[in-house]
PDB file of N, CA and C in Angstrom:
ATOM      1  N   MET A   1     -42.572 -39.867 -12.121  1.00  0.00           N
ATOM      2  CA  MET A   1     -41.422 -39.265 -12.726  1.00  0.00           C
ATOM      3  C   MET A   1     -40.177 -39.599 -11.901  1.00  0.00           C
ATOM      4  N   THR A   2     -39.132 -39.995 -12.571  1.00  0.00           N
ATOM      5  CA  THR A   2     -37.891 -40.317 -11.863  1.00  0.00           C
ATOM      6  C   THR A   2     -37.109 -39.043 -11.580  1.00  0.00           C
ATOM      7  N   GLU A   3     -36.080 -39.192 -10.761  1.00  0.00           N
ATOM      8  CA  GLU A   3     -35.240 -38.047 -10.393  1.00  0.00           C
ATOM      9  C   GLU A   3     -34.536 -37.458 -11.607  1.00  0.00           C
ATOM     10  N   THR A   4     -34.044 -38.295 -12.506  1.00  0.00           N
ATOM     11  CA  THR A   4     -33.347 -37.783 -13.692  1.00  0.00           C
ATOM     12  C   THR A   4     -34.293 -37.013 -14.595  1.00  0.00           C
ATOM     13  N   GLU A   5     -35.533 -37.476 -14.728  1.00  0.00           N
ATOM     14  CA  GLU A   5     -36.511 -36.756 -15.541  1.00  0.00           C
ATOM     15  C   GLU A   5     -36.842 -35.400 -14.923  1.00  0.00           C
ATOM     16  N   LYS A   6     -36.927 -35.343 -13.595  1.00  0.00           N
ATOM     17  CA  LYS A   6     -37.190 -34.081 -12.915  1.00  0.00           C
ATOM     18  C   LYS A   6     -36.039 -33.100 -13.141  1.00  0.00           C
ATOM     19  N   LYS A   7     -34.812 -33.604 -13.045  1.00  0.00           N
ATOM     20  CA  LYS A   7     -33.644 -32.748 -13.254  1.00  0.00           C
ATOM     21  C   LYS A   7     -33.582 -32.242 -14.689  1.00  0.00           C
ATOM     22  N   GLU A   8     -33.891 -33.105 -15.653  1.00  0.00           N
ATOM     23  CA  GLU A   8     -33.887 -32.695 -17.059  1.00  0.00           C
ATOM     24  C   GLU A   8     -34.957 -31.633 -17.322  1.00  0.00           C
ATOM     25  N   LYS A   9     -36.126 -31.818 -16.725  1.00  0.00           N
ATOM     26  CA  LYS A   9     -37.212 -30.862 -16.898  1.00  0.00           C
ATOM     27  C   LYS A   9     -36.836 -29.514 -16.271  1.00  0.00           C
ATOM     28  N   LYS A  10     -36.239 -29.557 -15.097  1.00  0.00           N
ATOM     29  CA  LYS A  10     -35.822 -28.348 -14.424  1.00  0.00           C
ATOM     30  C   LYS A  10     -34.726 -27.640 -15.213  1.00  0.00           C
ATOM     31  N   ALA A  11     -33.797 -28.387 -15.783  1.00  0.00           N
ATOM     32  CA  ALA A  11     -32.705 -27.805 -16.574  1.00  0.00           C
ATOM     33  C   ALA A  11     -33.244 -27.140 -17.834  1.00  0.00           C
ATOM     34  N   LYS A  12     -34.291 -27.694 -18.409  1.00  0.00           N
ATOM     35  CA  LYS A  12     -34.877 -27.114 -19.615  1.00  0.00           C
ATOM     36  C   LYS A  12     -35.614 -25.813 -19.316  1.00  0.00           C
ATOM     37  N   ILE A  13     -36.184 -25.713 -18.141  1.00  0.00           N
ATOM     38  CA  ILE A  13     -36.986 -24.542 -17.792  1.00  0.00           C
ATOM     39  C   ILE A  13     -36.108 -23.349 -17.419  1.00  0.00           C
ATOM     40  N   GLU A  14     -35.072 -23.565 -16.626  1.00  0.00           N
ATOM     41  CA  GLU A  14     -34.241 -22.469 -16.132  1.00  0.00           C
ATOM     42  C   GLU A  14     -33.180 -22.100 -17.165  1.00  0.00           C
ATOM     43  N   PRO A  15     -33.107 -20.836 -17.529  1.00  0.00           N
ATOM     44  CA  PRO A  15     -32.051 -20.423 -18.459  1.00  0.00           C
ATOM     45  C   PRO A  15     -30.693 -20.435 -17.761  1.00  0.00           C
ATOM     46  N   ALA A  16     -29.651 -20.664 -18.531  1.00  0.00           N
ATOM     47  CA  ALA A  16     -28.300 -20.719 -17.970  1.00  0.00           C
ATOM     48  C   ALA A  16     -27.845 -19.346 -17.502  1.00  0.00           C
ATOM     49  N   ALA A  17     -28.227 -18.299 -18.212  1.00  0.00           N
ATOM     50  CA  ALA A  17     -27.864 -16.936 -17.840  1.00  0.00           C
ATOM     51  C   ALA A  17     -29.115 -16.073 -17.890  1.00  0.00           C
ATOM     52  N   GLY A  18     -29.102 -15.020 -17.086  1.00  0.00           N
ATOM     53  CA  GLY A  18     -30.246 -14.119 -17.076  1.00  0.00           C
ATOM     54  C   GLY A  18     -30.330 -13.326 -18.362  1.00  0.00           C
ATOM     55  N   ILE A  19     -31.530 -13.021 -18.759  1.00  0.00           N
ATOM     56  CA  ILE A  19     -31.736 -12.229 -19.964  1.00  0.00           C
ATOM     57  C   ILE A  19     -31.607 -10.752 -19.590  1.00  0.00           C
ATOM     58  N   ILE A  20     -30.771 -10.045 -20.340  1.00  0.00           N
ATOM     59  CA  ILE A  20     -30.511  -8.645 -20.055  1.00  0.00           C
ATOM     60  C   ILE A  20     -31.096  -7.798 -21.176  1.00  0.00           C
ATOM     61  N   ALA A  21     -31.865  -6.807 -20.797  1.00  0.00           N
ATOM     62  CA  ALA A  21     -32.443  -5.880 -21.776  1.00  0.00           C
ATOM     63  C   ALA A  21     -31.327  -5.036 -22.390  1.00  0.00           C
ATOM     64  N   PRO A  22     -31.512  -4.545 -23.622  1.00  0.00           N
ATOM     65  CA  PRO A  22     -30.457  -3.750 -24.276  1.00  0.00           C
ATOM     66  C   PRO A  22     -30.015  -2.538 -23.469  1.00  0.00           C
ATOM     67  N   GLY A  23     -30.930  -1.808 -22.890  1.00  0.00           N
ATOM     68  CA  GLY A  23     -30.563  -0.644 -22.078  1.00  0.00           C
ATOM     69  C   GLY A  23     -29.819  -1.043 -20.816  1.00  0.00           C
ATOM     70  N   GLU A  24     -30.207  -2.156 -20.240  1.00  0.00           N
ATOM     71  CA  GLU A  24     -29.558  -2.656 -19.032  1.00  0.00           C
ATOM     72  C   GLU A  24     -28.134  -3.101 -19.323  1.00  0.00           C
ATOM     73  N   GLY A  25     -27.928  -3.705 -20.469  1.00  0.00           N
ATOM     74  CA  GLY A  25     -26.579  -4.138 -20.856  1.00  0.00           C
ATOM     75  C   GLY A  25     -25.633  -2.974 -21.016  1.00  0.00           C
ATOM     76  N   LYS A  26     -26.123  -1.889 -21.597  1.00  0.00           N
ATOM     77  CA  LYS A  26     -25.290  -0.690 -21.769  1.00  0.00           C
ATOM     78  C   LYS A  26     -24.954  -0.076 -20.418  1.00  0.00           C
ATOM     79  N   ARG A  27     -25.938  -0.046 -19.523  1.00  0.00           N
ATOM     80  CA  ARG A  27     -25.709   0.497 -18.185  1.00  0.00           C
ATOM     81  C   ARG A  27     -24.663  -0.319 -17.439  1.00  0.00           C
ATOM     82  N   LEU A  28     -24.758  -1.633 -17.537  1.00  0.00           N
ATOM     83  CA  LEU A  28     -23.792  -2.502 -16.867  1.00  0.00           C
ATOM     84  C   LEU A  28     -22.389  -2.321 -17.429  1.00  0.00           C
ATOM     85  N   LEU A  29     -22.291  -2.124 -18.730  1.00  0.00           N
ATOM     86  CA  LEU A  29     -20.984  -1.894 -19.352  1.00  0.00           C
ATOM     87  C   LEU A  29     -20.373  -0.587 -18.866  1.00  0.00           C
ATOM     88  N   ILE A  30     -21.164   0.468 -18.831  1.00  0.00           N
ATOM     89  CA  ILE A  30     -20.670   1.762 -18.365  1.00  0.00           C
ATOM     90  C   ILE A  30     -20.277   1.694 -16.893  1.00  0.00           C
ATOM     91  N   GLU A  31     -21.075   1.013 -16.079  1.00  0.00           N
ATOM     92  CA  GLU A  31     -20.724   0.854 -14.667  1.00  0.00           C
ATOM     93  C   GLU A  31     -19.443   0.053 -14.506  1.00  0.00           C
ATOM     94  N   GLY A  32     -19.242  -0.954 -15.336  1.00  0.00           N
ATOM     95  CA  GLY A  32     -18.012  -1.740 -15.279  1.00  0.00           C
ATOM     96  C   GLY A  32     -16.789  -0.898 -15.599  1.00  0.00           C
ATOM     97  N   ILE A  33     -16.918  -0.010 -16.558  1.00  0.00           N
ATOM     98  CA  ILE A  33     -15.806   0.887 -16.891  1.00  0.00           C
ATOM     99  C   ILE A  33     -15.537   1.842 -15.733  1.00  0.00           C
ATOM    100  N   LYS A  34     -16.588   2.372 -15.143  1.00  0.00           N
ATOM    101  CA  LYS A  34     -16.417   3.272 -14.002  1.00  0.00           C
ATOM    102  C   LYS A  34     -15.777   2.548 -12.821  1.00  0.00           C
ATOM    103  N   LYS A  35     -16.159   1.270 -12.620  1.00  0.00           N
ATOM    104  CA  LYS A  35     -15.595   0.499 -11.512  1.00  0.00           C
ATOM    105  C   LYS A  35     -14.139   0.116 -11.762  1.00  0.00           C
ATOM    106  N   THR A  36     -13.665   0.273 -12.981  1.00  0.00           N
ATOM    107  CA  THR A  36     -12.269  -0.001 -13.293  1.00  0.00           C
ATOM    108  C   THR A  36     -11.438   1.279 -13.279  1.00  0.00           C
ATOM    109  N   VAL A  37     -12.007   2.375 -13.742  1.00  0.00           N
ATOM    110  CA  VAL A  37     -11.274   3.637 -13.829  1.00  0.00           C
ATOM    111  C   VAL A  37     -11.165   4.321 -12.465  1.00  0.00           C
ATOM    112  N   ALA A  38     -12.203   4.270 -11.661  1.00  0.00           N
ATOM    113  CA  ALA A  38     -12.189   4.937 -10.359  1.00  0.00           C
ATOM    114  C   ALA A  38     -11.063   4.433  -9.458  1.00  0.00           C
ATOM    115  N   PRO A  39     -10.835   3.113  -9.333  1.00  0.00           N
ATOM    116  CA  PRO A  39      -9.701   2.671  -8.524  1.00  0.00           C
ATOM    117  C   PRO A  39      -8.345   3.150  -9.050  1.00  0.00           C
ATOM    118  N   ALA A  40      -8.234   3.306 -10.353  1.00  0.00           N
ATOM    119  CA  ALA A  40      -6.974   3.793 -10.916  1.00  0.00           C
ATOM    120  C   ALA A  40      -6.713   5.227 -10.470  1.00  0.00           C
ATOM    121  N   PHE A  41      -7.714   6.087 -10.546  1.00  0.00           N
ATOM    122  CA  PHE A  41      -7.535   7.480 -10.110  1.00  0.00           C
ATOM    123  C   PHE A  41      -7.266   7.563  -8.610  1.00  0.00           C
ATOM    124  N   ILE A  42      -7.994   6.789  -7.833  1.00  0.00           N
ATOM    125  CA  ILE A  42      -7.781   6.782  -6.381  1.00  0.00           C
ATOM    126  C   ILE A  42      -6.369   6.312  -6.066  1.00  0.00           C
ATOM    127  N   SER A  43      -5.905   5.319  -6.780  1.00  0.00           N
ATOM    128  CA  SER A  43      -4.568   4.780  -6.545  1.00  0.00           C
ATOM    129  C   SER A  43      -3.480   5.775  -6.911  1.00  0.00           C
ATOM    130  N   VAL A  44      -3.668   6.510  -7.991  1.00  0.00           N
ATOM    131  CA  VAL A  44      -2.683   7.531  -8.369  1.00  0.00           C
ATOM    132  C   VAL A  44      -2.595   8.588  -7.277  1.00  0.00           C
ATOM    133  N   ILE A  45      -3.720   9.007  -6.765  1.00  0.00           N
ATOM    134  CA  ILE A  45      -3.727  10.017  -5.702  1.00  0.00           C
ATOM    135  C   ILE A  45      -3.003   9.490  -4.469  1.00  0.00           C
ATOM    136  N   PHE A  46      -3.312   8.250  -4.069  1.00  0.00           N
ATOM    137  CA  PHE A  46      -2.631   7.660  -2.918  1.00  0.00           C
ATOM    138  C   PHE A  46      -1.131   7.512  -3.167  1.00  0.00           C
ATOM    139  N   ALA A  47      -0.741   7.104  -4.358  1.00  0.00           N
ATOM    140  CA  ALA A  47       0.680   6.917  -4.659  1.00  0.00           C
ATOM    141  C   ALA A  47       1.438   8.233  -4.571  1.00  0.00           C
ATOM    142  N   VAL A  48       0.844   9.306  -5.091  1.00  0.00           N
ATOM    143  CA  VAL A  48       1.505  10.615  -5.020  1.00  0.00           C
ATOM    144  C   VAL A  48       1.586  11.091  -3.573  1.00  0.00           C
ATOM    145  N   ILE A  49       0.517  10.926  -2.822  1.00  0.00           N
ATOM    146  CA  ILE A  49       0.526  11.325  -1.406  1.00  0.00           C
ATOM    147  C   ILE A  49       1.585  10.539  -0.642  1.00  0.00           C
ATOM    148  N   PHE A  50       1.628   9.238  -0.848  1.00  0.00           N
ATOM    149  CA  PHE A  50       2.599   8.415  -0.136  1.00  0.00           C
ATOM    150  C   PHE A  50       4.025   8.749  -0.547  1.00  0.00           C
ATOM    151  N   LEU A  51       4.235   9.068  -1.805  1.00  0.00           N
ATOM    152  CA  LEU A  51       5.580   9.421  -2.262  1.00  0.00           C
ATOM    153  C   LEU A  51       6.064  10.687  -1.569  1.00  0.00           C
ATOM    154  N   TYR A  52       5.239  11.711  -1.522  1.00  0.00           N
ATOM    155  CA  TYR A  52       5.654  12.970  -0.916  1.00  0.00           C
ATOM    156  C   TYR A  52       5.627  12.938   0.604  1.00  0.00           C
ATOM    157  N   GLN A  53       4.778  12.123   1.185  1.00  0.00           N
ATOM    158  CA  GLN A  53       4.700  12.056   2.640  1.00  0.00           C
ATOM    159  C   GLN A  53       5.749  11.112   3.234  1.00  0.00           C
ATOM    160  N   PHE A  54       5.931   9.945   2.615  1.00  0.00           N
ATOM    161  CA  PHE A  54       6.796   8.923   3.202  1.00  0.00           C
ATOM    162  C   PHE A  54       8.015   8.576   2.354  1.00  0.00           C
ATOM    163  N   GLY A  55       8.088   9.073   1.142  1.00  0.00           N
ATOM    164  CA  GLY A  55       9.199   8.701   0.259  1.00  0.00           C
ATOM    165  C   GLY A  55       9.089   7.241  -0.118  1.00  0.00           C
ATOM    166  N   ASN A  56      10.140   6.483   0.193  1.00  0.00           N
ATOM    167  CA  ASN A  56      10.075   5.054  -0.122  1.00  0.00           C
ATOM    168  C   ASN A  56       9.505   4.239   1.029  1.00  0.00           C
ATOM    169  N   ALA A  57       9.131   4.916   2.122  1.00  0.00           N
ATOM    170  CA  ALA A  57       8.495   4.271   3.287  1.00  0.00           C
ATOM    171  C   ALA A  57       9.326   3.125   3.836  1.00  0.00           C
ATOM    172  N   SER A  58      10.617   3.325   3.903  1.00  0.00           N
ATOM    173  CA  SER A  58      11.487   2.256   4.384  1.00  0.00           C
ATOM    174  C   SER A  58      11.303   1.989   5.876  1.00  0.00           C
ATOM    175  N   GLY A  59      10.834   2.975   6.636  1.00  0.00           N
ATOM    176  CA  GLY A  59      10.638   2.777   8.065  1.00  0.00           C
ATOM    177  C   GLY A  59       9.249   2.303   8.430  1.00  0.00           C
ATOM    178  N   ILE A  60       8.408   2.113   7.456  1.00  0.00           N
ATOM    179  CA  ILE A  60       7.017   1.721   7.701  1.00  0.00           C
ATOM    180  C   ILE A  60       6.802   0.303   7.192  1.00  0.00           C
ATOM    181  N   PRO A  61       6.171  -0.570   7.989  1.00  0.00           N
ATOM    182  CA  PRO A  61       5.876  -1.918   7.486  1.00  0.00           C
ATOM    183  C   PRO A  61       4.939  -1.861   6.277  1.00  0.00           C
ATOM    184  N   TRP A  62       5.232  -2.661   5.263  1.00  0.00           N
ATOM    185  CA  TRP A  62       4.444  -2.639   4.035  1.00  0.00           C
ATOM    186  C   TRP A  62       2.997  -3.006   4.298  1.00  0.00           C
ATOM    187  N   PHE A  63       2.768  -3.844   5.305  1.00  0.00           N
ATOM    188  CA  PHE A  63       1.405  -4.298   5.566  1.00  0.00           C
ATOM    189  C   PHE A  63       0.530  -3.155   6.073  1.00  0.00           C
ATOM    190  N   SER A  64       1.109  -2.244   6.853  1.00  0.00           N
ATOM    191  CA  SER A  64       0.323  -1.106   7.332  1.00  0.00           C
ATOM    192  C   SER A  64      -0.034  -0.167   6.183  1.00  0.00           C
ATOM    193  N   VAL A  65       0.863   0.002   5.214  1.00  0.00           N
ATOM    194  CA  VAL A  65       0.557   0.795   4.016  1.00  0.00           C
ATOM    195  C   VAL A  65      -0.577   0.138   3.253  1.00  0.00           C
ATOM    196  N   PHE A  66      -0.483  -1.164   3.101  1.00  0.00           N
ATOM    197  CA  PHE A  66      -1.510  -1.942   2.405  1.00  0.00           C
ATOM    198  C   PHE A  66      -2.869  -1.750   3.062  1.00  0.00           C
ATOM    199  N   LEU A  67      -2.939  -1.904   4.377  1.00  0.00           N
ATOM    200  CA  LEU A  67      -4.215  -1.774   5.092  1.00  0.00           C
ATOM    201  C   LEU A  67      -4.759  -0.352   5.039  1.00  0.00           C
ATOM    202  N   LEU A  68      -3.877   0.630   5.152  1.00  0.00           N
ATOM    203  CA  LEU A  68      -4.319   2.015   5.103  1.00  0.00           C
ATOM    204  C   LEU A  68      -4.952   2.342   3.753  1.00  0.00           C
ATOM    205  N   VAL A  69      -4.298   1.949   2.681  1.00  0.00           N
ATOM    206  CA  VAL A  69      -4.846   2.181   1.344  1.00  0.00           C
ATOM    207  C   VAL A  69      -6.151   1.414   1.168  1.00  0.00           C
ATOM    208  N   LEU A  70      -6.186   0.184   1.628  1.00  0.00           N
ATOM    209  CA  LEU A  70      -7.374  -0.646   1.483  1.00  0.00           C
ATOM    210  C   LEU A  70      -8.578  -0.040   2.198  1.00  0.00           C
ATOM    211  N   LEU A  71      -8.396   0.351   3.451  1.00  0.00           N
ATOM    212  CA  LEU A  71      -9.517   0.888   4.225  1.00  0.00           C
ATOM    213  C   LEU A  71      -9.972   2.253   3.716  1.00  0.00           C
ATOM    214  N   LEU A  72      -9.029   3.140   3.466  1.00  0.00           N
ATOM    215  CA  LEU A  72      -9.405   4.471   2.985  1.00  0.00           C
ATOM    216  C   LEU A  72     -10.057   4.410   1.607  1.00  0.00           C
ATOM    217  N   SER A  73      -9.521   3.590   0.724  1.00  0.00           N
ATOM    218  CA  SER A  73     -10.095   3.506  -0.621  1.00  0.00           C
ATOM    219  C   SER A  73     -11.494   2.887  -0.592  1.00  0.00           C
ATOM    220  N   TYR A  74     -11.719   1.963   0.327  1.00  0.00           N
ATOM    221  CA  TYR A  74     -13.055   1.364   0.444  1.00  0.00           C
ATOM    222  C   TYR A  74     -14.087   2.437   0.767  1.00  0.00           C
ATOM    223  N   TYR A  75     -13.792   3.270   1.763  1.00  0.00           N
ATOM    224  CA  TYR A  75     -14.759   4.294   2.151  1.00  0.00           C
ATOM    225  C   TYR A  75     -14.880   5.390   1.096  1.00  0.00           C
ATOM    226  N   ILE A  76     -13.786   5.719   0.440  1.00  0.00           N
ATOM    227  CA  ILE A  76     -13.853   6.711  -0.641  1.00  0.00           C
ATOM    228  C   ILE A  76     -14.739   6.187  -1.768  1.00  0.00           C
ATOM    229  N   GLN A  77     -14.553   4.924  -2.135  1.00  0.00           N
ATOM    230  CA  GLN A  77     -15.356   4.349  -3.215  1.00  0.00           C
ATOM    231  C   GLN A  77     -16.806   4.170  -2.793  1.00  0.00           C
ATOM    232  N   ARG A  78     -17.006   3.807  -1.558  1.00  0.00           N
ATOM    233  CA  ARG A  78     -18.372   3.607  -1.063  1.00  0.00           C
ATOM    234  C   ARG A  78     -19.175   4.915  -1.130  1.00  0.00           C
ATOM    235  N   LEU A  79     -18.497   6.027  -0.855  1.00  0.00           N
ATOM    236  CA  LEU A  79     -19.165   7.326  -0.907  1.00  0.00           C
ATOM    237  C   LEU A  79     -19.129   7.942  -2.307  1.00  0.00           C
ATOM    238  N   GLY A  80     -18.111   7.607  -3.088  1.00  0.00           N
ATOM    239  CA  GLY A  80     -17.935   8.233  -4.389  1.00  0.00           C
ATOM    240  C   GLY A  80     -18.696   7.596  -5.525  1.00  0.00           C
ATOM    241  N   TYR A  81     -18.909   6.303  -5.470  1.00  0.00           N
ATOM    242  CA  TYR A  81     -19.589   5.623  -6.574  1.00  0.00           C
ATOM    243  C   TYR A  81     -21.003   6.150  -6.835  1.00  0.00           C
ATOM    244  N   PRO A  82     -21.806   6.420  -5.810  1.00  0.00           N
ATOM    245  CA  PRO A  82     -23.129   6.981  -6.120  1.00  0.00           C
ATOM    246  C   PRO A  82     -23.045   8.337  -6.829  1.00  0.00           C
ATOM    247  N   LEU A  83     -21.980   9.089  -6.569  1.00  0.00           N
ATOM    248  CA  LEU A  83     -21.830  10.396  -7.210  1.00  0.00           C
ATOM    249  C   LEU A  83     -21.546  10.280  -8.704  1.00  0.00           C
ATOM    250  N   ILE A  84     -20.926   9.163  -9.127  1.00  0.00           N
ATOM    251  CA  ILE A  84     -20.628   8.981 -10.555  1.00  0.00           C
ATOM    252  C   ILE A  84     -21.618   8.030 -11.229  1.00  0.00           C
ATOM    253  N   GLY A  85     -22.675   7.658 -10.521  1.00  0.00           N
ATOM    254  CA  GLY A  85     -23.759   6.892 -11.141  1.00  0.00           C
ATOM    255  C   GLY A  85     -23.637   5.383 -11.055  1.00  0.00           C
ATOM    256  N   VAL A  86     -22.845   4.884 -10.118  1.00  0.00           N
ATOM    257  CA  VAL A  86     -22.727   3.437  -9.934  1.00  0.00           C
ATOM    258  C   VAL A  86     -23.645   3.038  -8.784  1.00  0.00           C
ATOM    259  N   ARG A  87     -24.435   2.014  -9.009  1.00  0.00           N
ATOM    260  CA  ARG A  87     -25.399   1.556  -7.997  1.00  0.00           C
ATOM    261  C   ARG A  87     -24.695   0.682  -6.957  1.00  0.00           C
ATOM    262  N   VAL A  88     -24.365   1.278  -5.837  1.00  0.00           N
ATOM    263  CA  VAL A  88     -23.638   0.574  -4.781  1.00  0.00           C
ATOM    264  C   VAL A  88     -24.529  -0.451  -4.092  1.00  0.00           C
ATOM    265  N   LYS A  89     -25.821  -0.224  -4.087  1.00  0.00           N
ATOM    266  CA  LYS A  89     -26.738  -1.157  -3.424  1.00  0.00           C
ATOM    267  C   LYS A  89     -26.772  -2.512  -4.128  1.00  0.00           C
ATOM    268  N   GLU A  90     -26.404  -2.539  -5.403  1.00  0.00           N
ATOM    269  CA  GLU A  90     -26.375  -3.797  -6.151  1.00  0.00           C
ATOM    270  C   GLU A  90     -25.047  -4.527  -5.995  1.00  0.00           C
ATOM    271  N   PHE A  91     -24.073  -3.915  -5.324  1.00  0.00           N
ATOM    272  CA  PHE A  91     -22.762  -4.532  -5.152  1.00  0.00           C
ATOM    273  C   PHE A  91     -22.873  -5.769  -4.276  1.00  0.00           C
ATOM    274  N   GLU A  92     -22.133  -6.772  -4.657  1.00  0.00           N
ATOM    275  CA  GLU A  92     -22.003  -7.969  -3.841  1.00  0.00           C
ATOM    276  C   GLU A  92     -20.579  -8.006  -3.307  1.00  0.00           C
ATOM    277  N   THR A  93     -20.266  -8.996  -2.522  1.00  0.00           N
ATOM    278  CA  THR A  93     -18.921  -9.123  -1.970  1.00  0.00           C
ATOM    279  C   THR A  93     -17.886  -9.235  -3.078  1.00  0.00           C
ATOM    280  N   LYS A  94     -18.194  -9.979  -4.124  1.00  0.00           N
ATOM    281  CA  LYS A  94     -17.234 -10.146  -5.221  1.00  0.00           C
ATOM    282  C   LYS A  94     -16.940  -8.824  -5.925  1.00  0.00           C
ATOM    283  N   ASP A  95     -17.926  -7.931  -5.998  1.00  0.00           N
ATOM    284  CA  ASP A  95     -17.718  -6.627  -6.610  1.00  0.00           C
ATOM    285  C   ASP A  95     -16.771  -5.768  -5.775  1.00  0.00           C
ATOM    286  N   TRP A  96     -16.950  -5.800  -4.457  1.00  0.00           N
ATOM    287  CA  TRP A  96     -16.059  -5.028  -3.590  1.00  0.00           C
ATOM    288  C   TRP A  96     -14.653  -5.600  -3.625  1.00  0.00           C
ATOM    289  N   LEU A  97     -14.534  -6.912  -3.647  1.00  0.00           N
ATOM    290  CA  LEU A  97     -13.203  -7.519  -3.750  1.00  0.00           C
ATOM    291  C   LEU A  97     -12.537  -7.134  -5.065  1.00  0.00           C
ATOM    292  N   TYR A  98     -13.307  -7.085  -6.134  1.00  0.00           N
ATOM    293  CA  TYR A  98     -12.801  -6.706  -7.458  1.00  0.00           C
ATOM    294  C   TYR A  98     -12.240  -5.291  -7.437  1.00  0.00           C
ATOM    295  N   VAL A  99     -13.010  -4.330  -6.951  1.00  0.00           N
ATOM    296  CA  VAL A  99     -12.547  -2.949  -6.992  1.00  0.00           C
ATOM    297  C   VAL A  99     -11.407  -2.707  -6.001  1.00  0.00           C
ATOM    298  N   GLU A 100     -11.429  -3.376  -4.873  1.00  0.00           N
ATOM    299  CA  GLU A 100     -10.342  -3.202  -3.909  1.00  0.00           C
ATOM    300  C   GLU A 100      -9.048  -3.862  -4.397  1.00  0.00           C
ATOM    301  N   LEU A 101      -9.161  -4.989  -5.051  1.00  0.00           N
ATOM    302  CA  LEU A 101      -7.973  -5.626  -5.618  1.00  0.00           C
ATOM    303  C   LEU A 101      -7.363  -4.735  -6.695  1.00  0.00           C
ATOM    304  N   PHE A 102      -8.207  -4.165  -7.547  1.00  0.00           N
ATOM    305  CA  PHE A 102      -7.713  -3.230  -8.562  1.00  0.00           C
ATOM    306  C   PHE A 102      -7.039  -2.032  -7.916  1.00  0.00           C
ATOM    307  N   THR A 103      -7.633  -1.508  -6.855  1.00  0.00           N
ATOM    308  CA  THR A 103      -7.063  -0.346  -6.182  1.00  0.00           C
ATOM    309  C   THR A 103      -5.677  -0.670  -5.637  1.00  0.00           C
ATOM    310  N   ILE A 104      -5.546  -1.802  -4.981  1.00  0.00           N
ATOM    311  CA  ILE A 104      -4.252  -2.172  -4.401  1.00  0.00           C
ATOM    312  C   ILE A 104      -3.219  -2.414  -5.498  1.00  0.00           C
ATOM    313  N   ILE A 105      -3.588  -3.108  -6.538  1.00  0.00           N
ATOM    314  CA  ILE A 105      -2.639  -3.393  -7.623  1.00  0.00           C
ATOM    315  C   ILE A 105      -2.208  -2.099  -8.308  1.00  0.00           C
ATOM    316  N   TYR A 106      -3.165  -1.247  -8.635  1.00  0.00           N
ATOM    317  CA  TYR A 106      -2.824   0.039  -9.246  1.00  0.00           C
ATOM    318  C   TYR A 106      -1.939   0.869  -8.324  1.00  0.00           C
ATOM    319  N   PHE A 107      -2.246   0.864  -7.026  1.00  0.00           N
ATOM    320  CA  PHE A 107      -1.438   1.634  -6.080  1.00  0.00           C
ATOM    321  C   PHE A 107       0.005   1.169  -6.083  1.00  0.00           C
ATOM    322  N   TRP A 108       0.234  -0.134  -5.991  1.00  0.00           N
ATOM    323  CA  TRP A 108       1.613  -0.636  -5.966  1.00  0.00           C
ATOM    324  C   TRP A 108       2.328  -0.332  -7.280  1.00  0.00           C
ATOM    325  N   VAL A 109       1.637  -0.440  -8.384  1.00  0.00           N
ATOM    326  CA  VAL A 109       2.256  -0.154  -9.683  1.00  0.00           C
ATOM    327  C   VAL A 109       2.631   1.321  -9.784  1.00  0.00           C
ATOM    328  N   PHE A 110       1.692   2.215  -9.471  1.00  0.00           N
ATOM    329  CA  PHE A 110       1.967   3.642  -9.590  1.00  0.00           C
ATOM    330  C   PHE A 110       3.029   4.101  -8.601  1.00  0.00           C
ATOM    331  N   TRP A 111       2.971   3.597  -7.377  1.00  0.00           N
ATOM    332  CA  TRP A 111       3.962   3.975  -6.374  1.00  0.00           C
ATOM    333  C   TRP A 111       5.353   3.500  -6.787  1.00  0.00           C
ATOM    334  N   THR A 112       5.429   2.291  -7.313  1.00  0.00           N
ATOM    335  CA  THR A 112       6.712   1.774  -7.793  1.00  0.00           C
ATOM    336  C   THR A 112       7.248   2.611  -8.947  1.00  0.00           C
ATOM    337  N   LEU A 113       6.378   2.989  -9.864  1.00  0.00           N
ATOM    338  CA  LEU A 113       6.812   3.839 -10.983  1.00  0.00           C
ATOM    339  C   LEU A 113       7.287   5.200 -10.479  1.00  0.00           C
ATOM    340  N   LEU A 114       6.604   5.770  -9.519  1.00  0.00           N
ATOM    341  CA  LEU A 114       7.032   7.054  -8.975  1.00  0.00           C
ATOM    342  C   LEU A 114       8.349   6.939  -8.214  1.00  0.00           C
ATOM    343  N   LEU A 115       8.564   5.838  -7.522  1.00  0.00           N
ATOM    344  CA  LEU A 115       9.822   5.636  -6.781  1.00  0.00           C
ATOM    345  C   LEU A 115      11.007   5.441  -7.715  1.00  0.00           C
ATOM    346  N   ASN A 116      10.764   4.934  -8.907  1.00  0.00           N
ATOM    347  CA  ASN A 116      11.851   4.680  -9.856  1.00  0.00           C
ATOM    348  C   ASN A 116      12.245   5.924 -10.652  1.00  0.00           C
ATOM    349  N   ASN A 117      11.543   7.015 -10.485  1.00  0.00           N
ATOM    350  CA  ASN A 117      11.890   8.242 -11.221  1.00  0.00           C
ATOM    351  C   ASN A 117      12.857   9.086 -10.444  1.00  0.00           C
TER     352      ASN A 117
END
């Protein structure tokens, strides 16, 4: 058997995507919604706290605000997700980057909206 025949045979055997059971698909969808909504709520709380504690934070470097929100939200989500039924043990690096990016983006949006009022 040549190399191309081996590759063709291997490509035919392995499915392109994993097969997901109907119940598993629903669970993944619900977890995805929870992983999107939770950062929004956490970000609103941080934005309100920062608004009342620091105002526009003109005397604080923006990077320190960024890191503080990032680190605190990571630990809050790490402890909070199991309470709302999200399987944290199945999280990969890309999942944590996804939820932390959402948290930071939501935080800046909500804080900016609160500062403009």
